[in-house]
Amino acid sequence: MDRRTFLRTAVVGTGTSVAFGFTLWPEAMGYPAQTGPSPYGSLQAADANGIMLPQGFTSRVIARSTQTVPGTNHVWHSAPDGGACLADGTGWIYVSNAEMGLGAGGVSALRFDSNANVVGAYTILSGTTRNCAGGATPWNTWLSCEETDRGYVFETDPFGVKSAVRRDAMGRFKHEAAAADPDRKVIYLTEDESDGGFYRFVPTTWGDLSSGTLQVLKEVNGVLSWANVPDPDGGPTRTRKQVSGMKVFNGGEGCYYRNGTCFFTTKGDNKVWAYDAVDNTIAVAYDDNLTTNPPLTGVDNITGATVGDLYVAEDGGNMEICVITPDDVVAPFVRVTNQSSSELCGVAFNPAGNRLYFSSQRGTTGSSGGGITYEITGPFRTSL
């Protein structure tokens, strides 16, 4: 029996699939991603920004915390975290959370023209606490999530026109990330607790998050189902303690939906999960214990490219963004050097898919005021 077959046989549990192949058509059963060669080749020596990249790729510093964004009068926020890109005419907007405590959090935005020049920067949310990750919606808003006990979700306007709105119906818990599923008209939510849940919010009206039902994934006798959370306010009993049989996840982090599957990460056990919303099954798509010399540890934010690749940022490890390919190979794509006291976050592609944005939350200083936001350009593949 070869190693991959052995791993698959050893890991399959009652009612739980092991992993998925990450294709652009209906997902097929596969194996947990294994260490292998990157489709982009090996990492080259660090560039002038201290970034190691494959041949043909380049990095650019876009903004630095506590400093004015070049070409604007906006001071970039400290501790940049989760982010996303949204189309803006022929250009795009990159939004970025500020994971600052005690009401010092929020969200800022960078506006780019069609030539990737920064033409504006501004605040779209302020006065909140520990805005960690979040998710974009199909109606072009950004959901910014508070990673604090009984934290809220705020719906913000990346274009800077409408005021941010707190979405109480989405529940109060230690929020991490959000991912919109337009097929089932729900929003998936992760919880950053060692005994956290995996939630979905079902709006009363799709496109309006002011009311709806919060549900949590449960597993009884190997069968998955969604159960209503009786008290989304989370007080006095926290949401993760309200539903018997809730499936527990160890430190929910990033969340990304594509083609009927919601991928999310758990930092406590260094896993990437794949929830198949079509068949209502769940899979371990990556586990650092199930491959030799695992390149991906400290899993955190996650995003994807249209070709089918997943990109997972590390909080810890050796400060890499790793790629997981549709044929279940995991390999480093970016390594940030001399910033071991930081973490990588906010991974997001521009609408064309030829520029990748991310932040080093504490940069070279190791403090929240040392954050650096980068752009990576190069020959991202458009076909397999």
Protein backbone atom coordinates (compact mmCIF):
# COMPACT_ATOMS: atom_id res chain seq x y z
CA MET A 1 0.00 0.00 0.00
CA ASP A 2 1.53 3.36 -1.00
CA ARG A 3 1.81 6.14 1.58
CA ARG A 4 -1.02 8.30 0.20
CA THR A 5 -3.41 5.34 0.21
CA PHE A 6 -2.33 4.45 3.73
CA LEU A 7 -2.92 8.00 4.96
CA ARG A 8 -6.34 8.08 3.42
CA THR A 9 -7.28 4.72 4.93
CA ALA A 10 -5.94 5.68 8.34
CA VAL A 11 -7.69 9.03 8.59
CA VAL A 12 -11.20 8.42 7.27
CA GLY A 13 -13.66 8.50 10.17
CA THR A 14 -17.33 7.70 10.36
CA GLY A 15 -19.29 10.18 8.29
CA THR A 16 -16.24 12.38 7.63
CA SER A 17 -14.43 12.56 4.31
CA VAL A 18 -10.67 13.03 4.33
CA ALA A 19 -10.07 15.63 1.63
CA PHE A 20 -11.04 17.12 -1.67
CA GLY A 21 -9.38 17.71 -5.00
CA PHE A 22 -9.49 21.47 -5.56
CA THR A 23 -10.95 21.63 -9.04
CA LEU A 24 -13.06 24.27 -10.73
CA TRP A 25 -15.76 21.70 -11.49
CA PRO A 26 -17.60 19.51 -8.94
CA GLU A 27 -15.17 18.47 -6.23
CA ALA A 28 -13.89 14.89 -6.35
CA MET A 29 -12.61 12.83 -3.46
CA GLY A 30 -8.87 13.01 -3.12
CA TYR A 31 -6.10 12.88 -0.56
CA PRO A 32 -4.80 15.38 2.00
CA ALA A 33 -2.36 17.76 0.30
CA GLN A 34 1.21 16.47 0.32
CA THR A 35 4.53 18.32 0.32
CA GLY A 36 5.79 18.70 -3.21
CA PRO A 37 7.26 21.02 -5.84
CA SER A 38 5.59 24.37 -6.38
CA PRO A 39 4.10 25.01 -9.82
CA TYR A 40 6.15 28.20 -9.76
CA GLY A 41 9.48 26.62 -8.92
CA SER A 42 11.71 27.16 -5.92
CA LEU A 43 12.01 30.39 -3.97
CA GLN A 44 14.83 32.73 -5.01
CA ALA A 45 17.07 34.84 -2.79
CA ALA A 46 15.35 37.60 -0.86
CA ASP A 47 14.77 40.83 -2.79
CA ALA A 48 15.37 44.38 -1.52
CA ASN A 49 12.20 44.10 0.58
CA GLY A 50 13.37 40.89 2.25
CA ILE A 51 10.84 38.81 0.30
CA MET A 52 11.72 35.44 -1.22
CA LEU A 53 9.68 34.70 -4.36
CA PRO A 54 9.72 32.33 -7.32
CA GLN A 55 11.54 33.37 -10.48
CA GLY A 56 9.73 36.17 -12.34
CA PHE A 57 7.82 37.56 -9.36
CA THR A 58 8.46 40.91 -7.69
CA SER A 59 7.32 42.61 -4.48
CA ARG A 60 6.33 46.19 -3.72
CA VAL A 61 5.64 47.90 -0.40
CA ILE A 62 2.24 49.58 -0.61
CA ALA A 63 1.82 51.01 2.87
CA ARG A 64 3.44 51.07 6.30
CA SER A 65 1.65 51.35 9.63
CA THR A 66 1.74 54.81 11.30
CA GLN A 67 3.04 56.33 8.05
CA THR A 68 1.20 58.31 5.38
CA VAL A 69 0.32 56.20 2.34
CA PRO A 70 2.41 57.67 -0.51
CA GLY A 71 0.34 59.93 -2.75
CA THR A 72 -2.40 60.39 -0.12
CA ASN A 73 -2.88 62.13 3.23
CA HIS A 74 -4.07 58.95 4.98
CA VAL A 75 -2.01 57.39 7.76
CA TRP A 76 -2.06 53.59 7.41
CA HIS A 77 -3.41 51.73 10.43
CA SER A 78 -1.42 49.63 12.85
CA ALA A 79 -1.61 45.82 13.00
CA PRO A 80 -3.06 45.23 9.50
CA ASP A 81 -4.86 41.91 9.32
CA GLY A 82 -7.59 40.38 7.12
CA GLY A 83 -8.28 41.94 3.74
CA ALA A 84 -9.95 41.61 0.35
CA CYS A 85 -10.02 43.22 -3.08
CA LEU A 86 -13.12 44.56 -4.83
CA ALA A 87 -13.52 45.88 -8.36
CA ASP A 88 -13.76 49.66 -8.73
CA GLY A 89 -14.42 50.52 -12.37
CA THR A 90 -11.20 49.72 -14.22
CA GLY A 91 -9.30 49.71 -10.92
CA TRP A 92 -9.84 48.04 -7.57
CA ILE A 93 -9.94 48.60 -3.82
CA TYR A 94 -8.02 46.68 -1.17
CA VAL A 95 -9.56 46.75 2.32
CA SER A 96 -7.55 45.91 5.42
CA ASN A 97 -8.56 45.34 9.04
CA ALA A 98 -6.77 46.82 12.04
CA GLU A 99 -6.38 44.22 14.79
CA MET A 100 -6.05 46.76 17.60
CA GLY A 101 -7.69 46.48 21.00
CA LEU A 102 -9.87 48.66 23.20
CA GLY A 103 -11.74 50.49 20.48
CA ALA A 104 -8.63 51.23 18.42
CA GLY A 105 -9.52 48.78 15.64
CA GLY A 106 -11.28 49.38 12.35
CA VAL A 107 -10.79 49.11 8.59
CA SER A 108 -8.93 51.18 6.00
CA ALA A 109 -9.04 51.03 2.21
CA LEU A 110 -6.57 51.60 -0.63
CA ARG A 111 -7.90 52.62 -4.04
CA PHE A 112 -5.92 51.61 -7.15
CA ASP A 113 -6.30 52.78 -10.75
CA SER A 114 -6.08 50.42 -13.71
CA ASN A 115 -2.27 50.72 -13.68
CA ALA A 116 -2.05 49.69 -10.01
CA ASN A 117 -1.20 53.19 -8.83
CA VAL A 118 -2.55 54.09 -5.38
CA VAL A 119 -4.92 56.99 -5.97
CA GLY A 120 -6.65 57.12 -2.60
CA ALA A 121 -6.66 55.84 0.97
CA TYR A 122 -9.28 56.31 3.69
CA THR A 123 -10.95 54.87 6.79
CA ILE A 124 -14.24 52.93 6.44
CA LEU A 125 -14.63 51.74 10.06
CA SER A 126 -13.26 52.97 13.38
CA GLY A 127 -13.82 52.60 17.11
CA THR A 128 -14.06 48.81 17.10
CA THR A 129 -11.93 46.14 18.76
CA ARG A 130 -9.53 43.59 17.31
CA ASN A 131 -10.82 43.50 13.75
CA CYS A 132 -9.12 40.32 12.65
CA ALA A 133 -10.45 38.75 9.46
CA GLY A 134 -13.74 38.99 7.58
CA GLY A 135 -15.04 38.50 4.07
CA ALA A 136 -16.37 40.27 1.01
CA THR A 137 -20.01 39.97 -0.06
CA PRO A 138 -21.46 39.59 -3.57
CA TRP A 139 -23.03 43.04 -3.15
CA ASN A 140 -19.57 44.62 -2.71
CA THR A 141 -19.37 45.20 1.01
CA TRP A 142 -16.72 44.02 3.45
CA LEU A 143 -17.65 42.14 6.62
CA SER A 144 -15.16 43.02 9.33
CA CYS A 145 -15.14 40.67 12.32
CA GLU A 146 -14.12 41.40 15.91
CA GLU A 147 -11.90 38.73 17.42
CA THR A 148 -12.94 39.35 21.00
CA ASP A 149 -15.30 37.69 23.45
CA ARG A 150 -18.85 38.40 22.23
CA GLY A 151 -17.47 40.38 19.31
CA TYR A 152 -19.61 41.70 16.48
CA VAL A 153 -19.60 41.64 12.68
CA PHE A 154 -19.62 45.04 10.98
CA GLU A 155 -20.70 45.53 7.39
CA THR A 156 -18.60 48.25 5.77
CA ASP A 157 -18.56 50.12 2.47
CA PRO A 158 -15.19 49.72 0.70
CA PHE A 159 -16.03 52.71 -1.49
CA GLY A 160 -16.23 54.99 1.52
CA VAL A 161 -19.72 56.32 0.80
CA LYS A 162 -22.00 54.56 3.30
CA SER A 163 -21.46 54.34 7.05
CA ALA A 164 -20.54 50.99 8.56
CA VAL A 165 -23.38 49.03 10.18
CA ARG A 166 -23.16 46.58 13.06
CA ARG A 167 -24.89 43.30 12.17
CA ASP A 168 -26.14 41.98 15.51
CA ALA A 169 -28.13 39.12 13.98
CA MET A 170 -24.86 37.49 12.84
CA GLY A 171 -24.09 36.63 16.44
CA ARG A 172 -21.76 37.68 19.18
CA PHE A 173 -18.72 35.45 19.64
CA LYS A 174 -14.99 35.52 19.02
CA HIS A 175 -15.38 36.10 15.31
CA GLU A 176 -12.58 35.44 12.87
CA ALA A 177 -13.53 35.21 9.19
CA ALA A 178 -16.58 35.18 6.92
CA ALA A 179 -17.28 33.74 3.47
CA ALA A 180 -20.39 34.35 1.35
CA ASP A 181 -22.06 31.39 -0.35
CA PRO A 182 -24.35 32.89 -3.02
CA ASP A 183 -25.59 29.46 -4.07
CA ARG A 184 -27.23 28.65 -0.74
CA LYS A 185 -27.54 32.36 0.20
CA VAL A 186 -25.67 32.02 3.49
CA ILE A 187 -22.57 33.49 5.15
CA TYR A 188 -20.12 31.05 6.78
CA LEU A 189 -18.36 32.23 9.94
CA THR A 190 -15.36 30.88 11.86
CA GLU A 191 -14.74 31.20 15.61
CA ASP A 192 -11.28 31.64 17.11
CA GLU A 193 -11.67 29.45 20.18
CA SER A 194 -9.99 26.13 20.95
CA ASP A 195 -13.50 24.67 21.24
CA GLY A 196 -15.06 26.88 18.59
CA GLY A 197 -17.84 26.23 16.14
CA PHE A 198 -18.30 26.61 12.41
CA TYR A 199 -21.36 28.78 11.78
CA ARG A 200 -23.54 29.97 8.98
CA PHE A 201 -25.85 32.97 8.93
CA VAL A 202 -29.03 32.64 6.87
CA PRO A 203 -30.33 36.16 6.09
CA THR A 204 -34.07 36.68 5.93
CA THR A 205 -33.42 38.39 2.58
CA TRP A 206 -30.23 37.70 0.64
CA GLY A 207 -28.29 40.93 0.35
CA ASP A 208 -29.69 42.30 3.63
CA LEU A 209 -27.87 41.16 6.78
CA SER A 210 -30.04 43.06 9.23
CA SER A 211 -32.04 39.96 10.16
CA GLY A 212 -31.81 36.21 9.81
CA THR A 213 -30.92 32.97 11.58
CA LEU A 214 -27.55 32.00 13.05
CA GLN A 215 -26.80 28.28 12.81
CA VAL A 216 -23.89 26.10 13.89
CA LEU A 217 -22.63 22.85 12.38
CA LYS A 218 -23.26 19.78 14.52
CA GLU A 219 -22.30 16.15 14.13
CA VAL A 220 -24.24 13.29 15.72
CA ASN A 221 -23.34 9.68 14.94
CA GLY A 222 -21.25 10.86 12.00
CA VAL A 223 -24.09 12.83 10.41
CA LEU A 224 -23.69 16.57 9.86
CA SER A 225 -26.54 19.02 10.23
CA TRP A 226 -27.11 22.72 10.87
CA ALA A 227 -28.82 23.69 14.13
CA ASN A 228 -30.25 27.07 15.06
CA VAL A 229 -28.35 28.90 17.80
CA PRO A 230 -31.06 29.77 20.35
CA ASP A 231 -29.44 32.99 21.58
CA PRO A 232 -27.07 34.57 19.01
CA ASP A 233 -26.29 37.33 21.54
CA GLY A 234 -24.09 34.83 23.35
CA GLY A 235 -24.94 35.99 26.85
CA PRO A 236 -24.89 34.64 29.43
CA THR A 237 -24.24 31.34 27.61
CA ARG A 238 -21.75 31.61 24.77
CA THR A 239 -23.00 30.54 21.35
CA ARG A 240 -20.60 27.59 21.19
CA LYS A 241 -22.12 26.17 24.38
CA GLN A 242 -25.77 26.32 23.32
CA VAL A 243 -26.16 23.43 20.87
CA SER A 244 -25.63 19.83 21.92
CA GLY A 245 -23.52 17.90 19.45
CA MET A 246 -21.86 20.97 17.96
CA LYS A 247 -18.83 19.93 15.91
CA VAL A 248 -15.79 21.43 17.61
CA PHE A 249 -12.92 23.09 15.71
CA ASN A 250 -9.61 24.07 17.27
CA GLY A 251 -9.09 27.77 16.61
CA GLY A 252 -11.02 28.74 13.48
CA GLU A 253 -9.18 31.20 11.24
CA GLY A 254 -9.48 32.04 7.52
CA CYS A 255 -12.53 31.17 5.44
CA TYR A 256 -12.97 31.08 1.64
CA TYR A 257 -15.87 29.84 -0.50
CA ARG A 258 -15.66 28.50 -4.05
CA ASN A 259 -17.81 26.22 -6.21
CA GLY A 260 -19.91 24.64 -3.50
CA THR A 261 -17.04 24.24 -1.03
CA CYS A 262 -16.11 26.43 1.92
CA PHE A 263 -12.44 26.07 2.85
CA PHE A 264 -11.44 27.18 6.33
CA THR A 265 -8.40 26.85 8.55
CA THR A 266 -7.85 25.90 12.19
CA LYS A 267 -4.65 27.09 13.81
CA GLY A 268 -4.80 24.82 16.87
CA ASP A 269 -4.16 21.72 14.78
CA ASN A 270 -2.74 23.23 11.58
CA LYS A 271 -5.50 22.01 9.31
CA VAL A 272 -7.31 23.23 6.24
CA TRP A 273 -10.89 21.97 6.08
CA ALA A 274 -13.22 21.66 3.12
CA TYR A 275 -16.93 21.78 3.84
CA ASP A 276 -18.87 20.47 0.84
CA ALA A 277 -22.12 22.43 1.03
CA VAL A 278 -23.66 20.40 -1.79
CA ASP A 279 -23.30 16.99 -0.15
CA ASN A 280 -23.10 18.30 3.43
CA THR A 281 -19.81 16.54 4.18
CA ILE A 282 -16.54 17.78 5.59
CA ALA A 283 -12.97 16.93 4.66
CA VAL A 284 -9.44 17.47 5.94
CA ALA A 285 -7.80 19.07 2.92
CA TYR A 286 -4.44 19.64 4.62
CA ASP A 287 -2.94 18.45 7.90
CA ASP A 288 0.69 19.10 8.77
CA ASN A 289 0.78 15.73 10.54
CA LEU A 290 -0.06 13.91 7.32
CA THR A 291 2.85 14.95 5.11
CA THR A 292 6.63 14.85 5.36
CA ASN A 293 8.49 18.10 6.04
CA PRO A 294 5.25 20.13 6.10
CA PRO A 295 5.85 23.58 4.61
CA LEU A 296 2.64 25.01 6.04
CA THR A 297 2.32 25.56 9.80
CA GLY A 298 0.52 28.23 11.78
CA VAL A 299 -2.31 28.28 9.23
CA ASP A 300 -4.21 31.57 9.13
CA ASN A 301 -5.87 33.63 6.37
CA ILE A 302 -6.83 31.83 3.16
CA THR A 303 -7.81 32.88 -0.33
CA GLY A 304 -7.95 31.31 -3.77
CA ALA A 305 -7.10 31.94 -7.42
CA THR A 306 -9.57 31.31 -10.22
CA VAL A 307 -7.33 28.54 -11.57
CA GLY A 308 -8.06 26.53 -8.44
CA ASP A 309 -5.01 27.16 -6.27
CA LEU A 310 -5.48 28.01 -2.60
CA TYR A 311 -3.11 30.42 -0.84
CA VAL A 312 -2.71 30.09 2.93
CA ALA A 313 -0.80 32.60 5.07
CA GLU A 314 1.15 31.63 8.17
CA ASP A 315 0.92 33.06 11.67
CA GLY A 316 4.21 31.59 12.81
CA GLY A 317 6.01 28.89 10.91
CA ASN A 318 8.71 30.50 8.83
CA MET A 319 6.56 33.42 7.63
CA GLU A 320 5.35 31.95 4.36
CA ILE A 321 2.33 32.04 2.14
CA CYS A 322 1.90 28.51 0.82
CA VAL A 323 0.03 27.35 -2.26
CA ILE A 324 -2.16 24.23 -2.30
CA THR A 325 -2.71 23.12 -5.87
CA PRO A 326 -5.74 21.32 -7.37
CA ASP A 327 -3.66 18.14 -7.53
CA ASP A 328 -3.12 18.27 -3.75
CA VAL A 329 0.46 19.55 -3.59
CA VAL A 330 1.43 22.09 -0.93
CA ALA A 331 4.54 24.26 -1.34
CA PRO A 332 5.89 27.68 -0.32
CA PHE A 333 5.05 30.59 -2.60
CA VAL A 334 6.29 33.58 -0.55
CA ARG A 335 8.69 33.75 2.38
CA VAL A 336 9.23 36.95 4.37
CA THR A 337 12.66 37.13 5.99
CA ASN A 338 13.83 38.83 9.19
CA GLN A 339 10.30 39.28 10.53
CA SER A 340 9.97 36.30 12.85
CA SER A 341 7.97 38.31 15.44
CA SER A 342 5.21 39.05 12.95
CA GLU A 343 2.51 37.12 11.09
CA LEU A 344 1.25 37.16 7.52
CA CYS A 345 -2.38 38.01 6.83
CA GLY A 346 -4.81 39.72 4.48
CA VAL A 347 -4.05 37.60 1.41
CA ALA A 348 -6.21 38.72 -1.52
CA PHE A 349 -6.01 38.86 -5.31
CA ASN A 350 -7.06 41.86 -7.35
CA PRO A 351 -10.02 41.20 -9.71
CA ALA A 352 -7.75 40.30 -12.63
CA GLY A 353 -5.88 37.78 -10.51
CA ASN A 354 -2.44 39.09 -11.45
CA ARG A 355 -1.59 40.91 -8.20
CA LEU A 356 -1.58 39.43 -4.70
CA TYR A 357 -1.83 41.63 -1.61
CA PHE A 358 -0.94 40.72 1.96
CA SER A 359 0.39 42.28 5.15
CA SER A 360 3.07 41.48 7.66
CA GLN A 361 1.18 42.54 10.77
CA ARG A 362 4.15 43.65 12.88
CA GLY A 363 6.87 43.91 10.25
CA THR A 364 10.52 44.05 11.22
CA THR A 365 9.87 45.76 14.56
CA GLY A 366 7.64 43.09 16.06
CA SER A 367 5.20 45.78 17.22
CA SER A 368 1.74 46.73 15.93
CA GLY A 369 3.09 50.02 14.63
CA GLY A 370 5.53 48.20 12.35
CA GLY A 371 3.01 46.62 9.97
CA ILE A 372 3.81 46.47 6.25
CA THR A 373 1.37 45.86 3.38
CA TYR A 374 2.81 44.34 0.20
CA GLU A 375 1.87 43.66 -3.41
CA ILE A 376 3.22 40.69 -5.39
CA THR A 377 3.17 40.70 -9.17
CA GLY A 378 4.31 38.11 -11.67
CA PRO A 379 3.25 35.24 -13.92
CA PHE A 380 0.38 33.81 -11.85
CA ARG A 381 -0.93 30.86 -13.79
CA THR A 382 -4.29 31.07 -15.50
CA SER A 383 -4.60 27.41 -16.53
CA LEU A 384 -3.52 24.06 -15.15
